Amino acid sequence: MRIPEQVLLAAAEEILLRLGEERTGAETAARYLVRADMRGVSTHGVNLLRLVAQRAEAGMLSLPTRVSVVREDAATAVLDGGNGLGPIGARRALDAAARKAGEYGIGMAALRNTNNVGALGCVSSEAARKGFIVVVTTNGNPSVAPFGAADPFFGTNPVSIAVPVGKRDPIVLDMSSSIVARGKIRLASLSGQPIPEGWALDGEGNPTTDPKAALKGCLLPLGGAKGSGLAMMVDILSGMLSGSAYGRKLRSFHELDGPTGVGASFLCIDVGRFLDPEAFESAVTEYAAQIRALRRQPGFEEILLPGELESRREEESARLGIEVPEAVVREIEGIFAKLGCAARLGAAV
């Protein structure tokens, strides 16, 4: 089902407002959720509204979101997300880092006591469009086994790095440190499809292709020891450094067992402090062209840069409407009915 961007935005905003968020915050959070769907990252899109509603109803999410400054120095800041909506805390922290980078050449903000901040590529690319190189990390509840272990300890602990390319779309790396996002395991479980070997362990620590068994067990790190090391460093940067939860102290956004304690870090670098922006743009453009011109392996029609596929998907979504699974549409309409909203997504298609 394809839904016009503005219709989906209005629906997400209305739900967040009804749950207790303020207008500006609702607009910010809705934009991040909808943009994730536009870019094809549906695990971090409007389907999260169901979890937001559940946590708000259970009193485990504080709305409206109140973000406060814990401490601040010349090029650094620590913010507290107030156990509110992660995208709102992320936007405030990103703005702080970008503002400081504009003044000092580099700026970093750490965010504590927040929740799922959404698709990191949507966050990092926002500041990259303003001429900053951006690095964003966030941690999550234990779902990934460290290399050699049979028990979960790390979250999927993603990292995103965005590089500006003038007026064109930034180059955006957005990846988890696990071999796959946990959301894909959940989708496989719902559809009854097996998962590939090497993705996960069951509750006994054995390899499994059964998604239901995997959800009772844990994921494996990307590239073995390399992904495990990356997950550890993201946890330290996001949780420990920010004064938030880390390791086994974190809670799942998908379970009603208390505040998640998620932390995140945001680093902005002003390209102009190191190199003339036009010279940098020219160098990156030529660099990308050289990569695309390389000989392709059999079966590859083209060589794509990080984030390029998502950018194309976003452009298509803007033209044709956003692909939203019917199950997610039903969930949103169920929230509408529960909150007393009159709108219906299906009627807009």
Protein backbone atom coordinates (compact mmCIF):
# COMPACT_ATOMS: atom_id res chain seq x y z
CA MET A 1 0.00 0.00 0.00
CA ARG A 2 1.44 3.37 -1.02
CA ILE A 3 0.49 6.35 1.12
CA PRO A 4 1.26 10.01 0.24
CA GLU A 5 4.05 11.48 2.34
CA GLN A 6 1.94 14.31 3.79
CA VAL A 7 -0.85 11.91 4.75
CA LEU A 8 1.51 9.63 6.64
CA LEU A 9 3.18 12.62 8.30
CA ALA A 10 -0.16 14.01 9.44
CA ALA A 11 -1.18 10.63 10.82
CA ALA A 12 2.04 10.18 12.78
CA GLU A 13 1.86 13.74 14.14
CA GLU A 14 -1.74 13.32 15.25
CA ILE A 15 -0.97 10.10 17.12
CA LEU A 16 2.01 11.67 18.90
CA LEU A 17 -0.03 14.73 19.83
CA ARG A 18 -2.84 12.57 21.20
CA LEU A 19 -0.29 10.65 23.26
CA GLY A 20 0.87 13.88 24.88
CA GLU A 21 3.74 15.22 22.78
CA GLU A 22 3.94 18.93 21.97
CA ARG A 23 3.44 20.19 18.42
CA THR A 24 7.10 20.92 17.56
CA GLY A 25 8.28 17.64 19.07
CA ALA A 26 5.55 15.67 17.29
CA GLU A 27 6.53 17.21 13.97
CA THR A 28 10.21 16.35 14.53
CA ALA A 29 9.57 12.75 15.58
CA ALA A 30 7.02 12.16 12.82
CA ARG A 31 9.44 13.48 10.19
CA TYR A 32 12.19 11.05 11.27
CA LEU A 33 9.81 8.08 11.38
CA VAL A 34 8.26 8.82 7.99
CA ARG A 35 11.62 9.52 6.38
CA ALA A 36 12.85 6.12 7.55
CA ASP A 37 9.92 4.53 5.72
CA MET A 38 10.63 6.67 2.67
CA ARG A 39 14.22 5.39 2.62
CA GLY A 40 13.07 1.77 2.96
CA VAL A 41 14.17 1.37 6.59
CA SER A 42 10.74 0.18 7.70
CA THR A 43 12.04 -1.34 10.95
CA HIS A 44 12.56 2.25 12.18
CA GLY A 45 9.50 3.81 10.55
CA VAL A 46 5.91 4.45 11.60
CA ASN A 47 5.53 0.87 12.82
CA LEU A 48 7.33 2.14 15.96
CA LEU A 49 4.22 4.20 16.78
CA ARG A 50 2.65 1.04 18.18
CA LEU A 51 5.48 0.69 20.68
CA VAL A 52 5.40 4.40 21.49
CA ALA A 53 1.70 4.13 22.28
CA GLN A 54 2.19 1.04 24.43
CA ARG A 55 5.02 2.59 26.43
CA ALA A 56 3.19 5.89 26.87
CA GLU A 57 0.08 4.05 28.12
CA ALA A 58 2.21 2.01 30.55
CA GLY A 59 3.87 5.15 31.92
CA MET A 60 7.31 4.07 30.67
CA LEU A 61 7.69 6.96 28.21
CA SER A 62 7.62 10.57 29.39
CA LEU A 63 5.56 12.83 27.13
CA PRO A 64 5.88 15.62 26.24
CA THR A 65 9.60 15.09 25.73
CA ARG A 66 11.72 17.40 27.89
CA VAL A 67 15.35 17.60 26.81
CA SER A 68 17.71 19.37 29.21
CA VAL A 69 21.38 20.37 29.15
CA VAL A 70 23.35 18.53 31.83
CA ARG A 71 26.70 20.19 31.19
CA GLU A 72 28.22 22.26 28.42
CA ASP A 73 31.66 23.47 27.42
CA ALA A 74 33.09 25.22 24.37
CA ALA A 75 32.87 22.36 21.85
CA THR A 76 31.02 19.75 23.91
CA ALA A 77 27.66 19.20 25.55
CA VAL A 78 25.80 16.50 27.47
CA LEU A 79 22.01 16.42 27.14
CA ASP A 80 19.37 14.43 28.99
CA GLY A 81 16.53 13.11 26.84
CA GLY A 82 14.12 12.95 29.77
CA ASN A 83 13.04 9.38 28.85
CA GLY A 84 11.09 10.94 25.99
CA LEU A 85 11.01 10.34 22.26
CA GLY A 86 14.45 9.48 20.90
CA PRO A 87 14.17 11.44 17.63
CA ILE A 88 13.48 14.65 19.57
CA GLY A 89 16.51 14.16 21.82
CA ALA A 90 18.59 13.28 18.77
CA ARG A 91 17.55 16.45 16.96
CA ARG A 92 18.45 18.62 19.97
CA ALA A 93 21.83 16.91 20.39
CA LEU A 94 22.60 17.11 16.67
CA ASP A 95 21.75 20.81 16.63
CA ALA A 96 24.06 21.39 19.60
CA ALA A 97 26.94 19.52 17.94
CA ALA A 98 26.44 21.37 14.63
CA ARG A 99 26.25 24.75 16.36
CA LYS A 100 29.51 24.11 18.20
CA ALA A 101 31.20 22.80 15.06
CA GLY A 102 30.21 26.00 13.28
CA GLU A 103 31.91 27.99 16.02
CA TYR A 104 34.93 25.84 16.86
CA GLY A 105 35.36 23.62 13.79
CA ILE A 106 34.32 20.50 15.66
CA GLY A 107 31.47 19.83 18.07
CA MET A 108 30.28 16.81 19.99
CA ALA A 109 27.13 16.20 22.00
CA ALA A 110 26.30 13.16 24.11
CA LEU A 111 22.68 12.24 24.82
CA ARG A 112 21.61 10.21 27.85
CA ASN A 113 18.34 8.80 29.17
CA THR A 114 16.56 8.61 25.83
CA ASN A 115 14.84 5.93 23.75
CA ASN A 116 15.12 4.51 20.23
CA VAL A 117 16.42 7.43 18.14
CA GLY A 118 15.33 5.86 14.84
CA ALA A 119 17.31 5.34 11.64
CA LEU A 120 20.69 6.98 12.19
CA GLY A 121 21.12 7.77 8.49
CA CYS A 122 18.13 10.11 8.71
CA VAL A 123 19.86 11.92 11.58
CA SER A 124 23.39 12.14 10.18
CA SER A 125 22.35 13.17 6.66
CA GLU A 126 20.44 16.14 8.06
CA ALA A 127 23.57 17.88 9.33
CA ALA A 128 25.67 16.68 6.39
CA ARG A 129 23.46 18.73 4.07
CA LYS A 130 24.70 21.78 5.99
CA GLY A 131 28.33 21.02 5.16
CA PHE A 132 29.38 18.92 8.16
CA ILE A 133 30.92 15.48 8.27
CA VAL A 134 28.76 13.73 10.85
CA VAL A 135 29.29 10.65 13.02
CA VAL A 136 26.34 9.33 15.05
CA THR A 137 26.27 6.28 17.32
CA THR A 138 23.68 4.78 19.66
CA ASN A 139 23.44 1.70 21.85
CA GLY A 140 20.61 -0.68 22.65
CA ASN A 141 19.51 -3.53 24.86
CA PRO A 142 21.51 -6.78 24.89
CA SER A 143 20.72 -8.74 21.74
CA VAL A 144 24.14 -9.53 20.25
CA ALA A 145 26.67 -12.01 21.58
CA PRO A 146 30.28 -10.78 21.83
CA PHE A 147 32.65 -12.77 19.62
CA GLY A 148 32.99 -16.25 21.07
CA ALA A 149 30.18 -15.82 23.61
CA ALA A 150 26.80 -17.59 23.60
CA ASP A 151 24.88 -14.95 25.57
CA PRO A 152 23.74 -11.47 24.48
CA PHE A 153 25.58 -8.49 25.91
CA PHE A 154 25.77 -5.77 23.22
CA GLY A 155 22.92 -4.08 21.43
CA THR A 156 22.93 -3.95 17.63
CA ASN A 157 24.77 -0.67 18.34
CA PRO A 158 24.65 1.11 14.98
CA VAL A 159 26.91 3.82 13.62
CA SER A 160 26.26 6.30 10.83
CA ILE A 161 28.81 8.51 9.07
CA ALA A 162 27.58 11.10 6.57
CA VAL A 163 29.79 13.07 4.20
CA PRO A 164 28.56 16.23 2.42
CA VAL A 165 28.77 16.48 -1.38
CA GLY A 166 27.72 20.06 -2.04
CA LYS A 167 24.08 20.35 -3.11
CA ARG A 168 23.84 16.65 -3.94
CA ASP A 169 22.72 13.95 -1.52
CA PRO A 170 25.36 13.18 1.10
CA ILE A 171 27.19 9.85 1.14
CA VAL A 172 25.65 8.08 4.12
CA LEU A 173 26.94 4.97 5.84
CA ASP A 174 24.32 3.56 8.24
CA MET A 175 25.04 0.12 9.66
CA SER A 176 24.56 -1.97 12.75
CA SER A 177 27.47 -3.77 14.36
CA SER A 178 25.45 -7.00 14.28
CA ILE A 179 25.32 -9.10 11.15
CA VAL A 180 21.68 -8.08 10.70
CA ALA A 181 19.18 -5.79 12.39
CA ARG A 182 16.97 -7.49 14.98
CA GLY A 183 13.94 -6.04 13.20
CA LYS A 184 14.60 -8.38 10.26
CA ILE A 185 14.42 -11.35 12.62
CA ARG A 186 11.05 -10.09 13.88
CA LEU A 187 9.78 -9.66 10.31
CA ALA A 188 10.88 -13.21 9.45
CA SER A 189 9.12 -14.49 12.56
CA LEU A 190 5.87 -12.75 11.59
CA SER A 191 6.01 -14.12 8.04
CA GLY A 192 7.05 -17.62 9.10
CA GLN A 193 10.19 -17.52 6.94
CA PRO A 194 13.52 -19.06 8.01
CA ILE A 195 16.57 -16.85 8.46
CA PRO A 196 19.97 -17.48 6.84
CA GLU A 197 22.61 -19.48 8.68
CA GLY A 198 25.10 -17.37 10.57
CA TRP A 199 22.63 -14.70 11.66
CA ALA A 200 21.76 -15.87 15.14
CA LEU A 201 22.00 -18.33 18.04
CA ASP A 202 19.09 -19.92 19.90
CA GLY A 203 18.56 -19.77 23.65
CA GLU A 204 21.03 -22.62 24.17
CA GLY A 205 23.76 -20.84 22.22
CA ASN A 206 23.46 -23.00 19.12
CA PRO A 207 23.27 -21.67 15.53
CA THR A 208 19.67 -21.49 14.26
CA THR A 209 17.66 -20.63 11.17
CA ASP A 210 14.39 -20.45 13.14
CA PRO A 211 13.52 -16.76 13.74
CA LYS A 212 11.39 -17.57 16.79
CA ALA A 213 14.30 -19.44 18.36
CA ALA A 214 16.61 -16.57 17.39
CA LEU A 215 14.39 -14.07 19.21
CA LYS A 216 14.83 -16.16 22.35
CA GLY A 217 18.57 -16.24 21.76
CA CYS A 218 20.79 -13.57 20.26
CA LEU A 219 22.30 -12.16 17.08
CA LEU A 220 25.89 -12.57 15.96
CA PRO A 221 28.27 -9.64 15.41
CA LEU A 222 29.15 -8.45 11.92
CA GLY A 223 32.46 -9.91 10.76
CA GLY A 224 33.06 -11.81 13.97
CA ALA A 225 35.63 -10.11 16.19
CA LYS A 226 35.49 -6.89 14.12
CA GLY A 227 31.78 -6.32 14.65
CA SER A 228 32.11 -7.32 18.29
CA GLY A 229 34.82 -4.72 18.82
CA LEU A 230 32.79 -2.08 17.01
CA ALA A 231 29.72 -2.82 19.19
CA MET A 232 31.82 -2.42 22.31
CA MET A 233 33.21 0.95 21.25
CA VAL A 234 29.76 2.24 20.24
CA ASP A 235 28.42 1.20 23.65
CA ILE A 236 31.22 3.10 25.40
CA LEU A 237 30.79 6.22 23.25
CA SER A 238 27.00 6.22 23.42
CA GLY A 239 26.18 4.90 26.87
CA MET A 240 29.17 5.07 29.17
CA LEU A 241 30.52 8.45 28.02
CA SER A 242 27.07 10.09 28.07
CA GLY A 243 26.32 8.86 31.59
CA SER A 244 23.51 6.66 30.29
CA ALA A 245 22.97 2.90 30.54
CA TYR A 246 25.24 0.40 28.78
CA GLY A 247 25.75 -3.34 28.48
CA ARG A 248 23.20 -5.33 30.48
CA LYS A 249 21.77 -2.21 32.12
CA LEU A 250 19.82 -1.32 28.97
CA ARG A 251 16.19 -2.35 28.46
CA SER A 252 14.32 -3.18 25.25
CA PHE A 253 11.99 -0.63 23.66
CA HIS A 254 9.90 -3.62 22.56
CA GLU A 255 9.26 -4.86 26.11
CA LEU A 256 7.44 -3.11 28.94
CA ASP A 257 10.10 -3.67 31.58
CA GLY A 258 11.10 -0.08 32.40
CA PRO A 259 12.96 2.88 30.84
CA THR A 260 15.40 1.79 28.16
CA GLY A 261 18.26 4.06 29.22
CA VAL A 262 19.52 4.46 25.65
CA GLY A 263 22.47 6.78 25.00
CA ALA A 264 23.84 8.32 21.82
CA SER A 265 26.72 10.46 20.58
CA PHE A 266 26.80 13.10 17.84
CA LEU A 267 30.00 14.44 16.28
CA CYS A 268 30.02 17.22 13.68
CA ILE A 269 33.12 18.34 11.77
CA ASP A 270 33.17 21.58 9.78
CA VAL A 271 34.81 20.65 6.47
CA GLY A 272 35.73 24.30 5.83
CA ARG A 273 38.15 24.29 8.79
CA PHE A 274 40.26 21.66 7.04
CA LEU A 275 39.79 22.24 3.32
CA ASP A 276 38.00 24.64 1.02
CA PRO A 277 34.44 23.19 0.79
CA GLU A 278 34.40 23.40 -3.00
CA ALA A 279 37.73 21.59 -3.21
CA PHE A 280 36.41 18.92 -0.85
CA GLU A 281 33.23 18.53 -2.91
CA SER A 282 35.29 18.18 -6.08
CA ALA A 283 37.56 15.57 -4.48
CA VAL A 284 34.65 13.50 -3.13
CA THR A 285 32.81 13.70 -6.47
CA GLU A 286 35.86 12.50 -8.39
CA TYR A 287 36.51 9.80 -5.79
CA ALA A 288 32.94 8.50 -6.14
CA ALA A 289 33.18 8.57 -9.94
CA GLN A 290 36.37 6.47 -9.84
CA ILE A 291 34.63 3.87 -7.66
CA ARG A 292 31.59 3.69 -9.95
CA ALA A 293 33.87 3.26 -13.00
CA LEU A 294 35.60 0.16 -11.65
CA ARG A 295 35.06 -3.21 -13.32
CA ARG A 296 32.00 -4.92 -11.85
CA GLN A 297 31.75 -8.43 -10.51
CA PRO A 298 29.46 -10.83 -12.37
CA GLY A 299 25.83 -10.20 -11.45
CA PHE A 300 26.31 -6.55 -10.46
CA GLU A 301 24.65 -4.02 -12.74
CA GLU A 302 26.28 -1.05 -11.00
CA ILE A 303 28.43 -0.08 -8.05
CA LEU A 304 26.51 1.87 -5.42
CA LEU A 305 27.88 4.21 -2.77
CA PRO A 306 26.76 3.99 0.87
CA GLY A 307 23.22 5.38 1.21
CA GLU A 308 22.65 5.67 -2.54
CA LEU A 309 20.00 2.96 -2.64
CA GLU A 310 18.13 4.61 0.24
CA SER A 311 18.30 8.02 -1.47
CA ARG A 312 16.75 6.57 -4.62
CA ARG A 313 14.04 4.92 -2.54
CA GLU A 314 13.33 8.25 -0.83
CA GLU A 315 12.95 10.03 -4.19
CA GLU A 316 10.60 7.30 -5.41
CA SER A 317 8.55 7.54 -2.21
CA ALA A 318 8.21 11.30 -2.65
CA ARG A 319 6.89 10.77 -6.21
CA LEU A 320 4.74 7.69 -5.85
CA GLY A 321 3.88 7.51 -2.17
CA ILE A 322 5.45 5.57 0.67
CA GLU A 323 5.19 1.80 0.72
CA VAL A 324 3.64 0.78 4.04
CA PRO A 325 2.71 -2.85 4.77
CA GLU A 326 -1.01 -3.40 5.27
CA ALA A 327 -0.29 -4.87 8.71
CA VAL A 328 1.33 -1.59 9.77
CA VAL A 329 -1.59 0.41 8.33
CA ARG A 330 -3.97 -1.71 10.41
CA GLU A 331 -1.87 -1.11 13.51
CA ILE A 332 -1.91 2.65 12.98
CA GLU A 333 -5.65 2.67 12.37
CA GLY A 334 -6.05 0.62 15.55
CA ILE A 335 -4.19 3.35 17.44
CA PHE A 336 -6.41 5.95 15.75
CA ALA A 337 -9.52 4.17 17.00
CA LYS A 338 -8.16 3.79 20.51
CA LEU A 339 -7.20 7.47 20.71
CA GLY A 340 -10.43 8.70 19.16
CA CYS A 341 -8.89 10.00 15.93
CA ALA A 342 -11.24 10.38 12.98
CA ALA A 343 -8.64 9.98 10.19
CA ARG A 344 -8.05 6.69 8.37
CA LEU A 345 -4.98 5.91 6.25
CA GLY A 346 -6.77 3.49 3.96
CA ALA A 347 -9.16 6.19 2.81
CA ALA A 348 -6.23 8.28 1.53
CA VAL A 349 -4.92 5.68 -0.90
